[in-house]
N, C-alpha and C. Protein backbone atom coordinates (compact mmCIF):
# COMPACT_ATOMS: atom_id res chain seq x y z
N MET A 1 0.83 -1.19 0.00
CA MET A 1 0.00 0.00 0.00
C MET A 1 0.87 1.25 0.00
N GLY A 2 1.98 1.20 0.72
CA GLY A 2 2.87 2.35 0.78
C GLY A 2 3.48 2.66 -0.58
N LEU A 3 3.79 1.62 -1.35
CA LEU A 3 4.35 1.81 -2.69
C LEU A 3 3.33 2.49 -3.60
N PHE A 4 2.07 2.08 -3.46
CA PHE A 4 1.00 2.68 -4.25
C PHE A 4 0.87 4.17 -3.94
N VAL A 5 0.87 4.53 -2.68
CA VAL A 5 0.76 5.93 -2.28
C VAL A 5 1.98 6.72 -2.76
N TYR A 6 3.16 6.12 -2.67
CA TYR A 6 4.38 6.79 -3.14
C TYR A 6 4.28 7.07 -4.64
N LYS A 7 3.87 6.07 -5.43
CA LYS A 7 3.77 6.24 -6.88
C LYS A 7 2.71 7.29 -7.22
N LEU A 8 1.61 7.27 -6.51
CA LEU A 8 0.56 8.25 -6.72
C LEU A 8 1.09 9.66 -6.44
N TYR A 9 1.82 9.82 -5.37
CA TYR A 9 2.44 11.11 -5.03
C TYR A 9 3.43 11.52 -6.12
N ASP A 10 4.22 10.56 -6.61
CA ASP A 10 5.20 10.83 -7.66
C ASP A 10 4.51 11.33 -8.93
N TYR A 11 3.44 10.65 -9.36
CA TYR A 11 2.73 11.05 -10.58
C TYR A 11 2.01 12.39 -10.42
N GLN A 12 1.35 12.58 -9.29
CA GLN A 12 0.50 13.74 -9.10
C GLN A 12 1.26 15.01 -8.69
N ILE A 13 2.31 14.88 -7.93
CA ILE A 13 2.99 16.05 -7.37
C ILE A 13 4.38 16.26 -7.99
N VAL A 14 5.24 15.28 -7.88
CA VAL A 14 6.63 15.44 -8.27
C VAL A 14 6.78 15.59 -9.78
N ASN A 15 6.22 14.68 -10.55
CA ASN A 15 6.41 14.68 -12.01
C ASN A 15 5.16 15.11 -12.77
N GLN A 16 4.32 15.91 -12.15
CA GLN A 16 3.06 16.31 -12.77
C GLN A 16 3.28 17.04 -14.08
N GLU A 17 4.21 17.97 -14.13
CA GLU A 17 4.47 18.75 -15.36
C GLU A 17 4.93 17.85 -16.50
N LYS A 18 5.82 16.93 -16.19
CA LYS A 18 6.35 16.02 -17.21
C LYS A 18 5.22 15.20 -17.84
N TYR A 19 4.35 14.62 -17.01
CA TYR A 19 3.27 13.79 -17.53
C TYR A 19 2.20 14.63 -18.21
N ALA A 20 1.97 15.83 -17.73
CA ALA A 20 0.99 16.71 -18.37
C ALA A 20 1.45 17.07 -19.79
N LYS A 21 2.75 17.33 -19.97
CA LYS A 21 3.29 17.62 -21.30
C LYS A 21 3.18 16.41 -22.23
N GLN A 22 3.42 15.21 -21.69
CA GLN A 22 3.29 14.00 -22.50
C GLN A 22 1.86 13.81 -22.99
N VAL A 23 0.91 13.99 -22.10
CA VAL A 23 -0.50 13.85 -22.47
C VAL A 23 -0.88 14.89 -23.51
N GLU A 24 -0.42 16.11 -23.31
CA GLU A 24 -0.72 17.21 -24.24
C GLU A 24 -0.17 16.91 -25.63
N SER A 25 1.05 16.38 -25.70
CA SER A 25 1.65 16.10 -27.01
C SER A 25 0.96 14.92 -27.70
N ILE A 26 0.44 13.98 -26.94
CA ILE A 26 -0.26 12.84 -27.52
C ILE A 26 -1.64 13.24 -28.03
N SER A 27 -2.31 14.15 -27.35
CA SER A 27 -3.68 14.48 -27.71
C SER A 27 -3.78 15.58 -28.77
N ARG A 28 -2.69 16.16 -29.19
CA ARG A 28 -2.71 17.20 -30.23
C ARG A 28 -2.00 16.69 -31.47
N ARG A 29 -2.55 17.05 -32.61
CA ARG A 29 -1.93 16.70 -33.89
C ARG A 29 -1.91 17.90 -34.80
N SER A 30 -0.90 17.95 -35.62
CA SER A 30 -0.78 19.00 -36.62
C SER A 30 -0.99 18.36 -37.99
N ILE A 31 -1.92 18.91 -38.76
CA ILE A 31 -2.24 18.39 -40.08
C ILE A 31 -1.88 19.44 -41.11
N SER A 32 -1.10 19.05 -42.09
CA SER A 32 -0.72 19.96 -43.17
C SER A 32 -1.87 20.08 -44.17
N ILE A 33 -2.15 21.31 -44.60
CA ILE A 33 -3.20 21.57 -45.59
C ILE A 33 -2.52 21.99 -46.88
N LEU A 34 -2.73 21.21 -47.93
CA LEU A 34 -2.12 21.54 -49.21
C LEU A 34 -2.79 22.77 -49.81
N PRO A 35 -2.00 23.68 -50.35
CA PRO A 35 -2.60 24.87 -50.97
C PRO A 35 -3.12 24.55 -52.37
N PRO A 36 -4.08 25.33 -52.85
CA PRO A 36 -4.50 25.14 -54.23
C PRO A 36 -3.39 25.59 -55.17
N ARG A 37 -3.17 24.83 -56.25
CA ARG A 37 -2.18 25.22 -57.25
C ARG A 37 -2.78 26.32 -58.11
N GLY A 38 -1.90 27.13 -58.66
CA GLY A 38 -2.34 28.19 -59.55
C GLY A 38 -2.93 27.64 -60.84
N MET A 39 -3.76 28.45 -61.46
CA MET A 39 -4.40 28.06 -62.71
C MET A 39 -3.46 28.39 -63.87
N ILE A 40 -3.40 27.52 -64.86
CA ILE A 40 -2.63 27.77 -66.08
C ILE A 40 -3.64 28.09 -67.17
N ILE A 41 -3.49 29.26 -67.80
CA ILE A 41 -4.41 29.66 -68.86
C ILE A 41 -3.62 29.99 -70.13
N ASP A 42 -4.30 29.90 -71.28
CA ASP A 42 -3.62 30.25 -72.53
C ASP A 42 -3.79 31.74 -72.79
N ARG A 43 -3.29 32.23 -73.92
CA ARG A 43 -3.32 33.67 -74.19
C ARG A 43 -4.74 34.20 -74.38
N ASN A 44 -5.71 33.33 -74.63
CA ASN A 44 -7.11 33.75 -74.80
C ASN A 44 -7.89 33.66 -73.49
N GLY A 45 -7.22 33.29 -72.41
CA GLY A 45 -7.88 33.19 -71.11
C GLY A 45 -8.58 31.86 -70.87
N ILE A 46 -8.37 30.89 -71.75
CA ILE A 46 -8.99 29.57 -71.58
C ILE A 46 -8.14 28.74 -70.61
N PRO A 47 -8.76 28.19 -69.55
CA PRO A 47 -8.00 27.40 -68.59
C PRO A 47 -7.45 26.11 -69.21
N LEU A 48 -6.17 25.86 -68.96
CA LEU A 48 -5.52 24.63 -69.41
C LEU A 48 -5.33 23.65 -68.25
N ALA A 49 -5.16 24.18 -67.04
CA ALA A 49 -5.02 23.36 -65.83
C ALA A 49 -5.60 24.15 -64.66
N TRP A 50 -6.40 23.49 -63.83
CA TRP A 50 -7.03 24.15 -62.70
C TRP A 50 -7.35 23.12 -61.62
N ASP A 51 -7.59 23.62 -60.40
CA ASP A 51 -7.96 22.77 -59.27
C ASP A 51 -9.48 22.77 -59.11
N ALA A 52 -10.02 21.65 -58.69
CA ALA A 52 -11.46 21.54 -58.40
C ALA A 52 -11.63 20.67 -57.16
N PRO A 53 -12.64 20.99 -56.33
CA PRO A 53 -12.83 20.21 -55.11
C PRO A 53 -13.55 18.89 -55.36
N TYR A 54 -13.24 17.90 -54.56
CA TYR A 54 -14.03 16.68 -54.45
C TYR A 54 -14.06 16.35 -52.96
N TYR A 55 -14.94 15.46 -52.57
CA TYR A 55 -15.17 15.24 -51.14
C TYR A 55 -15.00 13.77 -50.78
N ARG A 56 -14.43 13.54 -49.61
CA ARG A 56 -14.35 12.19 -49.03
C ARG A 56 -15.41 12.14 -47.94
N ILE A 57 -16.32 11.18 -48.06
CA ILE A 57 -17.38 10.99 -47.08
C ILE A 57 -17.09 9.68 -46.35
N THR A 58 -17.02 9.75 -45.02
CA THR A 58 -16.72 8.58 -44.21
C THR A 58 -17.83 8.41 -43.18
N LYS A 59 -18.33 7.18 -43.04
CA LYS A 59 -19.36 6.95 -42.02
C LYS A 59 -18.68 6.64 -40.69
N LYS A 60 -19.26 7.17 -39.61
CA LYS A 60 -18.71 6.97 -38.27
C LYS A 60 -19.43 5.85 -37.51
N VAL A 61 -20.46 5.30 -38.13
CA VAL A 61 -21.24 4.23 -37.50
C VAL A 61 -21.16 2.99 -38.37
N VAL A 62 -21.50 1.84 -37.80
CA VAL A 62 -21.44 0.59 -38.56
C VAL A 62 -22.56 0.54 -39.60
N PHE A 63 -23.78 0.86 -39.18
CA PHE A 63 -24.93 0.85 -40.09
C PHE A 63 -25.54 2.24 -40.15
N LEU A 64 -25.86 2.69 -41.34
CA LEU A 64 -26.51 3.98 -41.51
C LEU A 64 -28.00 3.82 -41.22
N PRO A 65 -28.57 4.62 -40.31
CA PRO A 65 -30.01 4.52 -40.04
C PRO A 65 -30.83 4.87 -41.29
N GLU A 66 -32.01 4.24 -41.41
CA GLU A 66 -32.87 4.47 -42.59
C GLU A 66 -33.28 5.93 -42.71
N ASP A 67 -33.58 6.58 -41.56
CA ASP A 67 -33.98 7.99 -41.63
C ASP A 67 -32.83 8.87 -42.12
N LEU A 68 -31.60 8.51 -41.78
CA LEU A 68 -30.43 9.26 -42.27
C LEU A 68 -30.31 9.10 -43.79
N LYS A 69 -30.52 7.88 -44.28
CA LYS A 69 -30.45 7.65 -45.73
C LYS A 69 -31.49 8.50 -46.46
N ARG A 70 -32.73 8.55 -45.91
CA ARG A 70 -33.78 9.36 -46.53
C ARG A 70 -33.39 10.84 -46.53
N MET A 71 -32.84 11.32 -45.41
CA MET A 71 -32.45 12.73 -45.33
C MET A 71 -31.31 13.03 -46.30
N MET A 72 -30.37 12.08 -46.47
CA MET A 72 -29.27 12.29 -47.42
C MET A 72 -29.80 12.41 -48.84
N VAL A 73 -30.76 11.55 -49.19
CA VAL A 73 -31.35 11.61 -50.53
C VAL A 73 -32.10 12.92 -50.71
N ASP A 74 -32.84 13.35 -49.68
CA ASP A 74 -33.58 14.62 -49.76
C ASP A 74 -32.65 15.81 -49.88
N ALA A 75 -31.47 15.74 -49.24
CA ALA A 75 -30.52 16.85 -49.28
C ALA A 75 -29.83 16.98 -50.63
N SER A 76 -29.85 15.91 -51.40
CA SER A 76 -29.14 15.89 -52.68
C SER A 76 -30.00 16.47 -53.79
N GLU A 77 -29.31 16.97 -54.82
CA GLU A 77 -30.00 17.49 -56.00
C GLU A 77 -30.21 16.38 -57.02
N ASN A 78 -29.43 15.30 -56.94
CA ASN A 78 -29.52 14.18 -57.87
C ASN A 78 -29.80 12.91 -57.07
N ARG A 79 -31.06 12.51 -57.06
CA ARG A 79 -31.52 11.40 -56.22
C ARG A 79 -30.80 10.09 -56.55
N GLU A 80 -30.69 9.74 -57.83
CA GLU A 80 -30.06 8.48 -58.22
C GLU A 80 -28.58 8.43 -57.83
N LYS A 81 -27.89 9.54 -58.05
CA LYS A 81 -26.46 9.59 -57.71
C LYS A 81 -26.26 9.41 -56.20
N MET A 82 -27.13 10.05 -55.39
CA MET A 82 -27.00 9.94 -53.94
C MET A 82 -27.32 8.52 -53.46
N GLU A 83 -28.32 7.87 -54.06
CA GLU A 83 -28.64 6.49 -53.67
C GLU A 83 -27.46 5.56 -53.98
N LYS A 84 -26.82 5.76 -55.12
CA LYS A 84 -25.65 4.97 -55.49
C LYS A 84 -24.50 5.24 -54.50
N LEU A 85 -24.31 6.51 -54.13
CA LEU A 85 -23.26 6.89 -53.18
C LEU A 85 -23.52 6.24 -51.82
N ILE A 86 -24.78 6.20 -51.39
CA ILE A 86 -25.13 5.58 -50.10
C ILE A 86 -24.80 4.09 -50.12
N ARG A 87 -25.13 3.41 -51.23
CA ARG A 87 -24.82 1.97 -51.33
C ARG A 87 -23.31 1.74 -51.24
N ARG A 88 -22.52 2.56 -51.94
CA ARG A 88 -21.06 2.43 -51.88
C ARG A 88 -20.54 2.74 -50.48
N LEU A 89 -21.12 3.74 -49.83
CA LEU A 89 -20.71 4.13 -48.48
C LEU A 89 -20.98 2.99 -47.49
N GLU A 90 -22.12 2.31 -47.63
CA GLU A 90 -22.44 1.21 -46.72
C GLU A 90 -21.47 0.04 -46.90
N VAL A 91 -21.04 -0.21 -48.12
CA VAL A 91 -20.14 -1.33 -48.38
C VAL A 91 -18.71 -1.01 -47.98
N PHE A 92 -18.21 0.15 -48.42
CA PHE A 92 -16.79 0.47 -48.25
C PHE A 92 -16.49 1.31 -47.01
N GLY A 93 -17.48 2.00 -46.45
CA GLY A 93 -17.25 2.82 -45.26
C GLY A 93 -16.76 4.22 -45.57
N SER A 94 -16.20 4.40 -46.77
CA SER A 94 -15.67 5.71 -47.17
C SER A 94 -15.72 5.79 -48.69
N VAL A 95 -16.17 6.94 -49.21
CA VAL A 95 -16.21 7.14 -50.66
C VAL A 95 -15.68 8.53 -50.99
N GLU A 96 -15.10 8.64 -52.17
CA GLU A 96 -14.66 9.94 -52.67
C GLU A 96 -15.51 10.26 -53.88
N THR A 97 -16.05 11.49 -53.92
CA THR A 97 -16.96 11.86 -54.99
C THR A 97 -16.94 13.36 -55.23
N VAL A 98 -17.42 13.75 -56.40
CA VAL A 98 -17.59 15.16 -56.72
C VAL A 98 -19.03 15.51 -56.39
N LEU A 99 -19.21 16.50 -55.53
CA LEU A 99 -20.54 16.96 -55.11
C LEU A 99 -20.59 18.47 -55.16
N PRO A 100 -21.77 19.05 -55.33
CA PRO A 100 -21.87 20.50 -55.14
C PRO A 100 -21.54 20.84 -53.69
N ALA A 101 -20.92 21.99 -53.47
CA ALA A 101 -20.51 22.39 -52.12
C ALA A 101 -21.70 22.46 -51.17
N SER A 102 -22.87 22.88 -51.68
CA SER A 102 -24.06 22.99 -50.82
C SER A 102 -24.49 21.62 -50.29
N VAL A 103 -24.40 20.58 -51.12
CA VAL A 103 -24.76 19.22 -50.69
C VAL A 103 -23.74 18.71 -49.67
N ALA A 104 -22.46 18.96 -49.92
CA ALA A 104 -21.41 18.53 -48.99
C ALA A 104 -21.61 19.19 -47.62
N GLU A 105 -22.00 20.47 -47.61
CA GLU A 105 -22.25 21.16 -46.34
C GLU A 105 -23.41 20.52 -45.59
N ARG A 106 -24.49 20.18 -46.32
CA ARG A 106 -25.64 19.55 -45.68
C ARG A 106 -25.29 18.17 -45.13
N LEU A 107 -24.47 17.41 -45.87
CA LEU A 107 -24.06 16.09 -45.38
C LEU A 107 -23.18 16.21 -44.14
N ASN A 108 -22.41 17.28 -44.05
CA ASN A 108 -21.52 17.49 -42.90
C ASN A 108 -22.31 17.76 -41.62
N ASP A 109 -23.59 18.13 -41.76
CA ASP A 109 -24.43 18.38 -40.59
C ASP A 109 -24.84 17.09 -39.87
N PHE A 110 -24.73 15.95 -40.56
CA PHE A 110 -25.11 14.67 -39.95
C PHE A 110 -23.96 14.16 -39.08
N PRO A 111 -24.21 13.92 -37.78
CA PRO A 111 -23.12 13.48 -36.90
C PRO A 111 -22.58 12.09 -37.25
N GLU A 112 -23.35 11.29 -37.98
CA GLU A 112 -22.89 9.94 -38.35
C GLU A 112 -21.89 9.96 -39.50
N LEU A 113 -21.73 11.12 -40.15
CA LEU A 113 -20.86 11.23 -41.31
C LEU A 113 -19.75 12.24 -41.07
N GLU A 114 -18.62 12.00 -41.70
CA GLU A 114 -17.52 12.97 -41.71
C GLU A 114 -17.23 13.30 -43.17
N VAL A 115 -17.30 14.59 -43.50
CA VAL A 115 -17.08 15.03 -44.88
C VAL A 115 -15.84 15.92 -44.89
N SER A 116 -14.85 15.54 -45.69
CA SER A 116 -13.64 16.35 -45.80
C SER A 116 -13.39 16.70 -47.26
N GLU A 117 -12.97 17.93 -47.49
CA GLU A 117 -12.74 18.41 -48.85
C GLU A 117 -11.32 18.09 -49.29
N ARG A 118 -11.17 17.69 -50.52
CA ARG A 118 -9.88 17.45 -51.15
C ARG A 118 -9.84 18.24 -52.45
N ILE A 119 -8.66 18.36 -53.01
CA ILE A 119 -8.49 19.09 -54.27
C ILE A 119 -7.90 18.13 -55.31
N ILE A 120 -8.43 18.20 -56.52
CA ILE A 120 -7.91 17.39 -57.62
C ILE A 120 -7.58 18.32 -58.78
N ARG A 121 -6.53 18.00 -59.49
CA ARG A 121 -6.06 18.82 -60.62
C ARG A 121 -6.76 18.34 -61.89
N HIS A 122 -7.34 19.29 -62.62
CA HIS A 122 -7.98 19.00 -63.90
C HIS A 122 -7.19 19.65 -65.02
N TYR A 123 -7.21 19.00 -66.18
CA TYR A 123 -6.51 19.50 -67.36
C TYR A 123 -7.45 19.58 -68.54
N GLN A 124 -7.20 20.56 -69.41
CA GLN A 124 -7.96 20.71 -70.65
C GLN A 124 -7.83 19.43 -71.47
N ASP A 125 -8.94 18.96 -72.01
CA ASP A 125 -8.93 17.71 -72.78
C ASP A 125 -8.50 18.01 -74.22
N ASN A 126 -7.20 18.23 -74.39
CA ASN A 126 -6.64 18.55 -75.70
C ASN A 126 -5.28 17.87 -75.79
N PRO A 127 -5.18 16.76 -76.51
CA PRO A 127 -3.92 16.01 -76.54
C PRO A 127 -2.76 16.79 -77.15
N GLY A 128 -3.04 17.82 -77.91
CA GLY A 128 -1.96 18.58 -78.55
C GLY A 128 -1.17 19.45 -77.58
N ILE A 129 -1.73 19.72 -76.40
CA ILE A 129 -1.02 20.61 -75.46
C ILE A 129 -0.56 19.89 -74.20
N SER A 130 -0.89 18.62 -74.06
CA SER A 130 -0.57 17.92 -72.81
C SER A 130 0.93 17.89 -72.52
N HIS A 131 1.76 17.75 -73.53
CA HIS A 131 3.21 17.71 -73.29
C HIS A 131 3.76 19.09 -72.94
N VAL A 132 3.06 20.15 -73.33
CA VAL A 132 3.49 21.51 -73.00
C VAL A 132 3.08 21.86 -71.57
N VAL A 133 1.82 21.56 -71.23
CA VAL A 133 1.32 21.88 -69.89
C VAL A 133 1.99 20.98 -68.85
N GLY A 134 2.20 19.71 -69.18
CA GLY A 134 2.77 18.77 -68.23
C GLY A 134 1.71 18.24 -67.29
N TYR A 135 2.13 17.70 -66.17
CA TYR A 135 1.19 17.18 -65.18
C TYR A 135 1.89 17.06 -63.84
N ILE A 136 1.09 16.80 -62.80
CA ILE A 136 1.65 16.58 -61.47
C ILE A 136 1.26 15.17 -61.02
N LYS A 137 2.13 14.57 -60.20
CA LYS A 137 1.85 13.24 -59.64
C LYS A 137 0.83 13.38 -58.52
N SER A 138 0.35 12.26 -58.03
CA SER A 138 -0.67 12.28 -56.97
C SER A 138 -0.17 12.93 -55.69
N ASP A 139 1.15 12.94 -55.47
CA ASP A 139 1.70 13.59 -54.28
C ASP A 139 1.93 15.08 -54.48
N GLY A 140 1.57 15.63 -55.66
CA GLY A 140 1.70 17.06 -55.92
C GLY A 140 3.01 17.46 -56.57
N GLU A 141 3.87 16.51 -56.84
CA GLU A 141 5.18 16.79 -57.45
C GLU A 141 5.01 16.95 -58.96
N PRO A 142 5.43 18.11 -59.52
CA PRO A 142 5.31 18.30 -60.97
C PRO A 142 6.30 17.42 -61.72
N VAL A 143 5.90 16.94 -62.89
CA VAL A 143 6.74 16.02 -63.65
C VAL A 143 7.39 16.69 -64.84
N MET A 144 6.63 17.48 -65.61
CA MET A 144 7.21 18.06 -66.81
C MET A 144 6.40 19.28 -67.24
N GLY A 145 6.86 19.96 -68.27
CA GLY A 145 6.13 21.06 -68.87
C GLY A 145 6.04 22.30 -67.99
N ILE A 146 4.99 23.08 -68.23
CA ILE A 146 4.76 24.32 -67.48
C ILE A 146 4.60 24.02 -66.00
N GLU A 147 3.95 22.91 -65.67
CA GLU A 147 3.75 22.54 -64.26
C GLU A 147 5.10 22.46 -63.53
N LYS A 148 6.11 21.92 -64.17
CA LYS A 148 7.42 21.78 -63.53
C LYS A 148 8.21 23.08 -63.61
N GLN A 149 8.20 23.72 -64.78
CA GLN A 149 9.00 24.93 -64.99
C GLN A 149 8.58 26.06 -64.05
N TYR A 150 7.28 26.23 -63.85
CA TYR A 150 6.77 27.32 -63.03
C TYR A 150 6.22 26.84 -61.68
N ASN A 151 6.76 25.75 -61.18
CA ASN A 151 6.28 25.17 -59.93
C ASN A 151 6.34 26.17 -58.77
N GLU A 152 7.39 26.95 -58.69
CA GLU A 152 7.52 27.92 -57.59
C GLU A 152 6.34 28.90 -57.56
N LEU A 153 5.86 29.31 -58.73
CA LEU A 153 4.74 30.25 -58.81
C LEU A 153 3.39 29.55 -58.62
N LEU A 154 3.29 28.31 -59.05
CA LEU A 154 2.01 27.61 -59.04
C LEU A 154 1.66 26.94 -57.72
N ARG A 155 2.66 26.53 -56.94
CA ARG A 155 2.38 25.64 -55.81
C ARG A 155 1.79 26.32 -54.58
N GLY A 156 2.03 27.57 -54.31
CA GLY A 156 1.48 28.21 -53.12
C GLY A 156 2.21 27.82 -51.85
N THR A 157 1.66 28.25 -50.71
CA THR A 157 2.25 27.97 -49.40
C THR A 157 1.28 27.11 -48.60
N PRO A 158 1.73 25.96 -48.09
CA PRO A 158 0.82 25.08 -47.33
C PRO A 158 0.35 25.72 -46.03
N GLY A 159 -0.82 25.31 -45.59
CA GLY A 159 -1.36 25.75 -44.32
C GLY A 159 -1.24 24.63 -43.29
N GLU A 160 -1.85 24.85 -42.13
CA GLU A 160 -1.74 23.86 -41.06
C GLU A 160 -2.95 23.94 -40.15
N GLN A 161 -3.41 22.79 -39.68
CA GLN A 161 -4.47 22.71 -38.69
C GLN A 161 -3.92 22.05 -37.44
N LEU A 162 -4.25 22.61 -36.28
CA LEU A 162 -3.89 21.99 -35.01
C LEU A 162 -5.19 21.45 -34.42
N ILE A 163 -5.26 20.12 -34.27
CA ILE A 163 -6.48 19.49 -33.77
C ILE A 163 -6.19 18.72 -32.49
N ARG A 164 -7.24 18.53 -31.72
CA ARG A 164 -7.17 17.69 -30.51
C ARG A 164 -7.90 16.39 -30.84
N VAL A 165 -7.27 15.27 -30.46
CA VAL A 165 -7.85 13.95 -30.75
C VAL A 165 -8.09 13.18 -29.46
N ASP A 166 -9.00 12.20 -29.55
CA ASP A 166 -9.26 11.34 -28.39
C ASP A 166 -8.30 10.15 -28.41
N ALA A 167 -8.51 9.21 -27.50
CA ALA A 167 -7.60 8.06 -27.38
C ALA A 167 -7.59 7.18 -28.63
N LEU A 168 -8.66 7.23 -29.44
CA LEU A 168 -8.74 6.43 -30.66
C LEU A 168 -8.23 7.18 -31.89
N GLY A 169 -7.78 8.42 -31.69
CA GLY A 169 -7.24 9.19 -32.80
C GLY A 169 -8.29 9.97 -33.57
N ARG A 170 -9.53 10.00 -33.09
CA ARG A 170 -10.59 10.74 -33.77
C ARG A 170 -10.55 12.20 -33.35
N GLN A 171 -10.84 13.08 -34.29
CA GLN A 171 -10.79 14.52 -34.01
C GLN A 171 -11.91 14.91 -33.06
N ILE A 172 -11.52 15.65 -32.01
CA ILE A 172 -12.48 16.16 -31.04
C ILE A 172 -12.78 17.62 -31.34
N SER A 173 -11.72 18.40 -31.55
CA SER A 173 -11.92 19.83 -31.79
C SER A 173 -10.78 20.38 -32.63
N LEU A 174 -11.05 21.52 -33.22
CA LEU A 174 -10.06 22.26 -33.99
C LEU A 174 -9.55 23.37 -33.09
N GLU A 175 -8.24 23.40 -32.83
CA GLU A 175 -7.69 24.38 -31.91
C GLU A 175 -7.09 25.59 -32.60
N GLY A 176 -6.70 25.43 -33.85
CA GLY A 176 -6.14 26.55 -34.58
C GLY A 176 -5.92 26.18 -36.03
N GLU A 177 -5.87 27.20 -36.88
CA GLU A 177 -5.69 26.93 -38.30
C GLU A 177 -4.94 28.08 -38.95
N ILE A 178 -3.96 27.71 -39.76
CA ILE A 178 -3.27 28.67 -40.62
C ILE A 178 -3.67 28.29 -42.04
N PRO A 179 -4.47 29.15 -42.71
CA PRO A 179 -4.95 28.76 -44.04
C PRO A 179 -3.83 28.73 -45.07
N PRO A 180 -3.96 27.85 -46.07
CA PRO A 180 -2.96 27.81 -47.14
C PRO A 180 -3.09 29.03 -48.03
N LEU A 181 -1.98 29.45 -48.60
CA LEU A 181 -1.99 30.61 -49.50
C LEU A 181 -1.73 30.15 -50.93
N PRO A 182 -2.60 30.58 -51.87
CA PRO A 182 -2.40 30.17 -53.28
C PRO A 182 -1.15 30.79 -53.87
């Protein structure tokens, strides 16, 4: 019993600051936010390469309640597309899709779902210019063409989010954010 009291005293009084810092560092995470890349346009102002949002929808529950499914379909502008998305979400647990921002916002209101925005690079569908414009890899690294030559101007400055997580690594709250700069 004396050893127990000694250890309790050690944790609570003597080394309290040390353990408090350990807990603080475990419960906080820093997430890098990729900046949007600059748009590449031709001399007539026609976009050749641009960023567009898509969304990752993840379910936080094992089974989606029927009333939630009905509300998701009602919130959508395209009933068939949303029903297909719900079926994929039930099977895989997470789906990536292009949605209008208004629909993504409405889906984010449901506590059973987590909606996060991602950015994807689009290119003009013209095979004659693809070697000039170039492309970027999935990690954002430019490979050739204008994308590589002007990378310093196109890439922007990344941002950062500081979040607090629970013991399972799930986000509890957002503590601070530095937005990315284009």
